[in-house]
Amino acid sequence: MAIPIRVAFLGGNGHCADRLAMVRRFLPPGLDLAEVPYPGFEDRPRAASLDDFLARIADHLRSSSPVLVYGTGIGGLLALCLRARGELMGIPLLLQAPVLWGLERRWMPRMMRLGLAQAALRRVFATAAFRRRFVRKYFTHPPDPETTTAFFDGYARCAAAPDLFAWLTPALLRSLERDLAAHPGALDRVTVWWGGRDRVVDLQELEWTKVALGLGDRWPVRVFADWGHYPQIDQPAAWARALADAVADAGAV
């Protein structure tokens, strides 16, 4: 029996398994897309600290032996946190619209470190009016009702959300700048994808990150003109094809 080619998926904030349900129909035979189960997501127990959170992710990745790690949203920052610890050094990273050094410039992460703001946002996310507006603004192809419900339920079931807002701070970015510089090769083998219609995370995020890390022209960027922030949901067939091509380019097939 052939060994499956495994891609490890580091999801964004509020990620749930249903976000990848559609795309699995279009993956080529032999390509295994394996989600990394975050502590505190989908009713799993929370981690005691960021160190504990990252250690659990690292343990899972070591046991699954992926040929490529795909990180989207905060998943991109978590991937760099692991690289800063010497993990994933020989594995290509593919970061799609990652949340990186823009963290210290946007107002929402600062607001969400306040307990009252977190409670208010959870209530707002539960309203039908907010959900309709969010779907219209941030999806390029409105998902079916079941997927939409699952998408927002992922946030409701994410007990780790307050932890992540507390942990992913400018102080962490300063620490990453030092730790990544101390690990030769930690910033190698990184490719970036962005959607031309992404209204969640702007490409300026990457420019801030390149300056902070002294990347220069490193980290090649591919912009998909018709993608938004959630291509796995918006265009699962196109995303699956692009992922299969990326795996082939990484030399896994």
Protein backbone atom coordinates (compact mmCIF):
# COMPACT_ATOMS: atom_id res chain seq x y z
CA MET A 1 0.00 0.00 0.00
CA ALA A 2 1.32 3.42 -0.95
CA ILE A 3 2.14 5.79 1.90
CA PRO A 4 -0.07 8.92 1.68
CA ILE A 5 1.54 12.27 0.99
CA ARG A 6 0.62 14.30 4.03
CA VAL A 7 0.06 18.05 4.23
CA ALA A 8 -0.35 19.41 7.77
CA PHE A 9 -2.91 22.21 7.98
CA LEU A 10 -2.51 24.94 10.61
CA GLY A 11 -5.86 26.70 10.65
CA GLY A 12 -6.82 30.23 11.54
CA ASN A 13 -8.74 31.64 14.48
CA GLY A 14 -11.90 29.66 15.23
CA HIS A 15 -10.90 26.87 12.85
CA CYS A 16 -13.10 23.79 12.71
CA ALA A 17 -12.96 20.59 10.69
CA ASP A 18 -15.97 21.60 8.62
CA ARG A 19 -13.93 24.34 6.95
CA LEU A 20 -12.12 21.62 4.99
CA ALA A 21 -15.04 19.27 4.45
CA MET A 22 -15.74 20.39 0.88
CA VAL A 23 -12.14 20.47 -0.27
CA ARG A 24 -11.54 16.83 0.62
CA ARG A 25 -13.78 15.82 -2.28
CA PHE A 26 -11.31 17.33 -4.73
CA LEU A 27 -7.96 16.21 -3.35
CA PRO A 28 -6.11 13.82 -5.69
CA PRO A 29 -5.68 10.22 -4.57
CA GLY A 30 -2.79 9.81 -2.17
CA LEU A 31 -2.80 13.39 -0.89
CA ASP A 32 -3.72 13.45 2.79
CA LEU A 33 -4.69 16.83 4.24
CA ALA A 34 -4.30 16.47 8.02
CA GLU A 35 -5.53 19.22 10.32
CA VAL A 36 -3.41 19.94 13.37
CA PRO A 37 -5.76 19.81 16.39
CA TYR A 38 -5.25 22.99 18.38
CA PRO A 39 -5.79 22.83 22.15
CA GLY A 40 -8.92 24.74 23.13
CA PHE A 41 -10.54 24.51 19.67
CA GLU A 42 -13.66 22.44 18.92
CA ASP A 43 -14.26 21.76 22.64
CA ARG A 44 -10.78 20.34 23.23
CA PRO A 45 -9.12 21.22 26.58
CA ARG A 46 -7.18 24.49 26.63
CA ALA A 47 -3.40 24.65 26.93
CA ALA A 48 -1.90 26.01 30.12
CA SER A 49 0.40 28.42 28.28
CA LEU A 50 1.70 29.31 24.85
CA ASP A 51 4.65 27.01 25.46
CA ASP A 52 2.23 24.16 26.20
CA PHE A 53 0.10 25.06 23.16
CA LEU A 54 3.12 25.01 20.82
CA ALA A 55 4.54 21.84 22.38
CA ARG A 56 1.32 19.96 21.69
CA ILE A 57 1.29 21.16 18.08
CA ALA A 58 4.94 20.20 17.66
CA ASP A 59 4.29 16.72 19.09
CA HIS A 60 1.47 16.17 16.61
CA LEU A 61 3.54 17.36 13.67
CA ARG A 62 6.49 15.13 14.58
CA SER A 63 4.20 12.12 14.78
CA SER A 64 2.48 12.83 11.46
CA SER A 65 5.65 13.49 9.39
CA PRO A 66 4.18 15.97 6.87
CA VAL A 67 5.96 16.81 3.63
CA LEU A 68 4.56 20.35 3.69
CA VAL A 69 2.97 22.56 6.36
CA TYR A 70 0.20 24.92 5.27
CA GLY A 71 -0.63 27.77 7.64
CA THR A 72 -3.43 30.27 7.18
CA GLY A 73 -4.28 33.30 9.34
CA ILE A 74 -2.80 32.84 12.81
CA GLY A 75 -1.65 29.41 11.65
CA GLY A 76 1.12 31.22 9.78
CA LEU A 77 2.34 32.89 12.95
CA LEU A 78 2.20 29.61 14.85
CA ALA A 79 4.34 28.01 12.14
CA LEU A 80 6.97 30.71 12.65
CA CYS A 81 6.79 30.20 16.42
CA LEU A 82 7.66 26.56 15.81
CA ARG A 83 10.50 27.45 13.44
CA ALA A 84 11.86 29.81 16.12
CA ARG A 85 12.04 26.77 18.43
CA GLY A 86 13.92 24.70 15.87
CA GLU A 87 10.88 22.73 14.72
CA LEU A 88 9.85 22.19 11.07
CA MET A 89 13.32 23.19 9.90
CA GLY A 90 13.45 20.76 7.00
CA ILE A 91 9.81 21.05 6.01
CA PRO A 92 8.55 23.62 3.47
CA LEU A 93 6.07 26.17 4.82
CA LEU A 94 3.23 27.49 2.68
CA LEU A 95 1.62 30.49 4.36
CA GLN A 96 -1.70 31.76 3.01
CA ALA A 97 -2.66 35.29 4.11
CA PRO A 98 -0.84 34.77 7.43
CA VAL A 99 -1.42 37.06 10.40
CA LEU A 100 2.10 38.20 11.27
CA TRP A 101 3.68 41.54 12.18
CA GLY A 102 0.48 43.45 11.49
CA LEU A 103 -0.63 42.23 14.91
CA GLU A 104 0.97 45.24 16.57
CA ARG A 105 -0.68 47.73 14.21
CA ARG A 106 -4.32 46.66 14.20
CA TRP A 107 -6.82 47.81 16.80
CA MET A 108 -8.83 44.59 17.04
CA PRO A 109 -6.14 42.41 18.69
CA ARG A 110 -5.60 45.14 21.28
CA MET A 111 -9.31 45.42 21.97
CA MET A 112 -9.75 41.67 22.21
CA ARG A 113 -7.33 41.46 25.12
CA LEU A 114 -10.13 43.05 27.15
CA GLY A 115 -12.61 40.59 28.62
CA LEU A 116 -15.65 42.77 27.95
CA ALA A 117 -14.71 43.10 24.27
CA GLN A 118 -14.40 39.33 23.96
CA ALA A 119 -17.81 38.74 25.50
CA ALA A 120 -19.38 41.39 23.27
CA LEU A 121 -17.85 39.91 20.12
CA ARG A 122 -19.11 36.44 20.98
CA ARG A 123 -22.63 37.80 21.31
CA VAL A 124 -22.34 39.70 18.03
CA PHE A 125 -21.00 36.64 16.21
CA ALA A 126 -24.10 34.74 17.30
CA THR A 127 -26.54 37.15 15.62
CA ALA A 128 -28.01 36.34 12.22
CA ALA A 129 -27.55 39.91 10.98
CA PHE A 130 -23.82 39.90 11.72
CA ARG A 131 -23.36 36.51 10.08
CA ARG A 132 -25.12 37.63 6.89
CA ARG A 133 -22.97 40.76 6.70
CA PHE A 134 -19.78 38.81 7.38
CA VAL A 135 -20.55 36.28 4.64
CA ARG A 136 -21.32 39.03 2.11
CA LYS A 137 -18.12 40.91 2.91
CA TYR A 138 -15.53 38.19 3.41
CA PHE A 139 -16.58 35.26 1.23
CA THR A 140 -16.34 35.42 -2.55
CA HIS A 141 -18.86 32.57 -2.91
CA PRO A 142 -21.46 32.37 -0.11
CA PRO A 143 -21.21 28.92 1.52
CA ASP A 144 -24.26 26.72 2.02
CA PRO A 145 -26.22 27.14 5.29
CA GLU A 146 -24.67 24.08 6.93
CA THR A 147 -21.11 25.27 6.23
CA THR A 148 -21.97 28.79 7.37
CA THR A 149 -23.37 27.49 10.65
CA ALA A 150 -20.33 25.28 11.22
CA PHE A 151 -17.98 28.18 10.41
CA PHE A 152 -19.45 30.42 13.10
CA ASP A 153 -19.86 27.55 15.55
CA GLY A 154 -16.10 27.10 15.28
CA TYR A 155 -15.66 30.50 16.93
CA ALA A 156 -18.30 29.73 19.56
CA ARG A 157 -16.54 26.46 20.46
CA CYS A 158 -13.06 28.02 20.56
CA ALA A 159 -12.28 28.32 24.27
CA ALA A 160 -8.69 29.19 23.36
CA ALA A 161 -9.59 32.51 21.71
CA PRO A 162 -8.89 34.62 24.83
CA ASP A 163 -5.60 32.80 25.30
CA LEU A 164 -4.45 33.51 21.77
CA PHE A 165 -5.25 37.21 22.07
CA ALA A 166 -3.27 37.27 25.32
CA TRP A 167 -0.31 35.34 23.90
CA LEU A 168 0.03 36.74 20.37
CA THR A 169 1.32 40.20 21.22
CA PRO A 170 4.05 42.67 20.19
CA ALA A 171 6.21 41.17 22.95
CA LEU A 172 5.98 37.80 21.21
CA LEU A 173 6.98 39.41 17.91
CA ARG A 174 10.09 40.90 19.54
CA SER A 175 10.97 37.46 20.92
CA LEU A 176 10.44 35.87 17.50
CA GLU A 177 12.71 38.41 15.83
CA ARG A 178 15.53 37.37 18.17
CA ASP A 179 14.85 33.65 18.09
CA LEU A 180 14.41 33.38 14.32
CA ALA A 181 17.67 35.27 13.78
CA ALA A 182 19.41 32.79 16.09
CA HIS A 183 18.30 29.77 14.04
CA PRO A 184 20.05 29.64 10.65
CA GLY A 185 17.62 28.47 8.03
CA ALA A 186 14.52 29.23 10.11
CA LEU A 187 13.25 31.64 7.45
CA ASP A 188 14.13 29.41 4.49
CA ARG A 189 11.74 27.32 2.38
CA VAL A 190 8.78 29.63 2.96
CA THR A 191 6.28 30.45 0.21
CA VAL A 192 3.36 32.85 0.56
CA TRP A 193 -0.06 32.81 -1.08
CA TRP A 194 -2.54 35.64 -1.01
CA GLY A 195 -6.01 36.20 -2.38
CA GLY A 196 -6.48 39.24 -4.56
CA ARG A 197 -9.94 39.68 -3.01
CA ASP A 198 -8.89 39.05 0.59
CA ARG A 199 -10.64 41.59 2.83
CA VAL A 200 -9.52 40.02 6.11
CA VAL A 201 -5.73 40.32 5.92
CA ASP A 202 -4.05 42.81 3.58
CA LEU A 203 -0.81 42.20 1.69
CA GLN A 204 0.70 45.04 3.72
CA GLU A 205 0.97 42.41 6.46
CA LEU A 206 3.73 40.75 4.47
CA GLU A 207 5.60 44.00 3.86
CA TRP A 208 5.68 44.79 7.59
CA THR A 209 6.91 41.27 8.26
CA LYS A 210 9.66 41.44 5.65
CA VAL A 211 10.99 44.64 7.19
CA ALA A 212 10.84 43.27 10.75
CA LEU A 213 12.66 40.05 9.81
CA GLY A 214 15.03 41.55 7.24
CA LEU A 215 13.74 39.22 4.54
CA GLY A 216 14.47 41.40 1.52
CA ASP A 217 13.30 39.55 -1.59
CA ARG A 218 12.94 36.20 0.17
CA TRP A 219 9.61 34.44 0.55
CA PRO A 220 8.17 34.32 -2.98
CA VAL A 221 4.55 35.48 -3.15
CA ARG A 222 1.81 34.18 -5.41
CA VAL A 223 -1.40 36.21 -5.61
CA PHE A 224 -4.55 34.43 -6.76
CA ALA A 225 -6.60 37.24 -8.26
CA ASP A 226 -10.05 35.75 -7.58
CA TRP A 227 -9.41 34.29 -4.12
CA GLY A 228 -10.63 35.76 -0.86
CA HIS A 229 -9.42 34.83 2.61
CA TYR A 230 -11.19 31.46 2.68
CA PRO A 231 -10.42 29.73 -0.66
CA GLN A 232 -10.83 26.30 0.92
CA ILE A 233 -14.51 27.17 1.36
CA ASP A 234 -15.05 29.57 -1.54
CA GLN A 235 -13.34 27.55 -4.26
CA PRO A 236 -12.49 24.08 -2.92
CA ALA A 237 -11.71 22.51 -6.29
CA ALA A 238 -9.35 25.31 -7.36
CA TRP A 239 -7.68 25.33 -3.95
CA ALA A 240 -7.18 21.55 -4.03
CA ARG A 241 -5.53 21.78 -7.46
CA ALA A 242 -3.23 24.56 -6.29
CA LEU A 243 -2.29 22.60 -3.19
CA ALA A 244 -1.50 19.47 -5.21
CA ASP A 245 0.73 21.57 -7.48
CA ALA A 246 2.49 23.05 -4.43
CA VAL A 247 3.17 19.58 -3.05
CA ALA A 248 4.62 18.52 -6.39
CA ASP A 249 6.78 21.67 -6.51
CA ALA A 250 8.06 20.87 -3.02
CA GLY A 251 9.42 17.61 -4.38
CA ALA A 252 7.03 15.37 -2.48
CA VAL A 253 5.87 13.48 -5.56
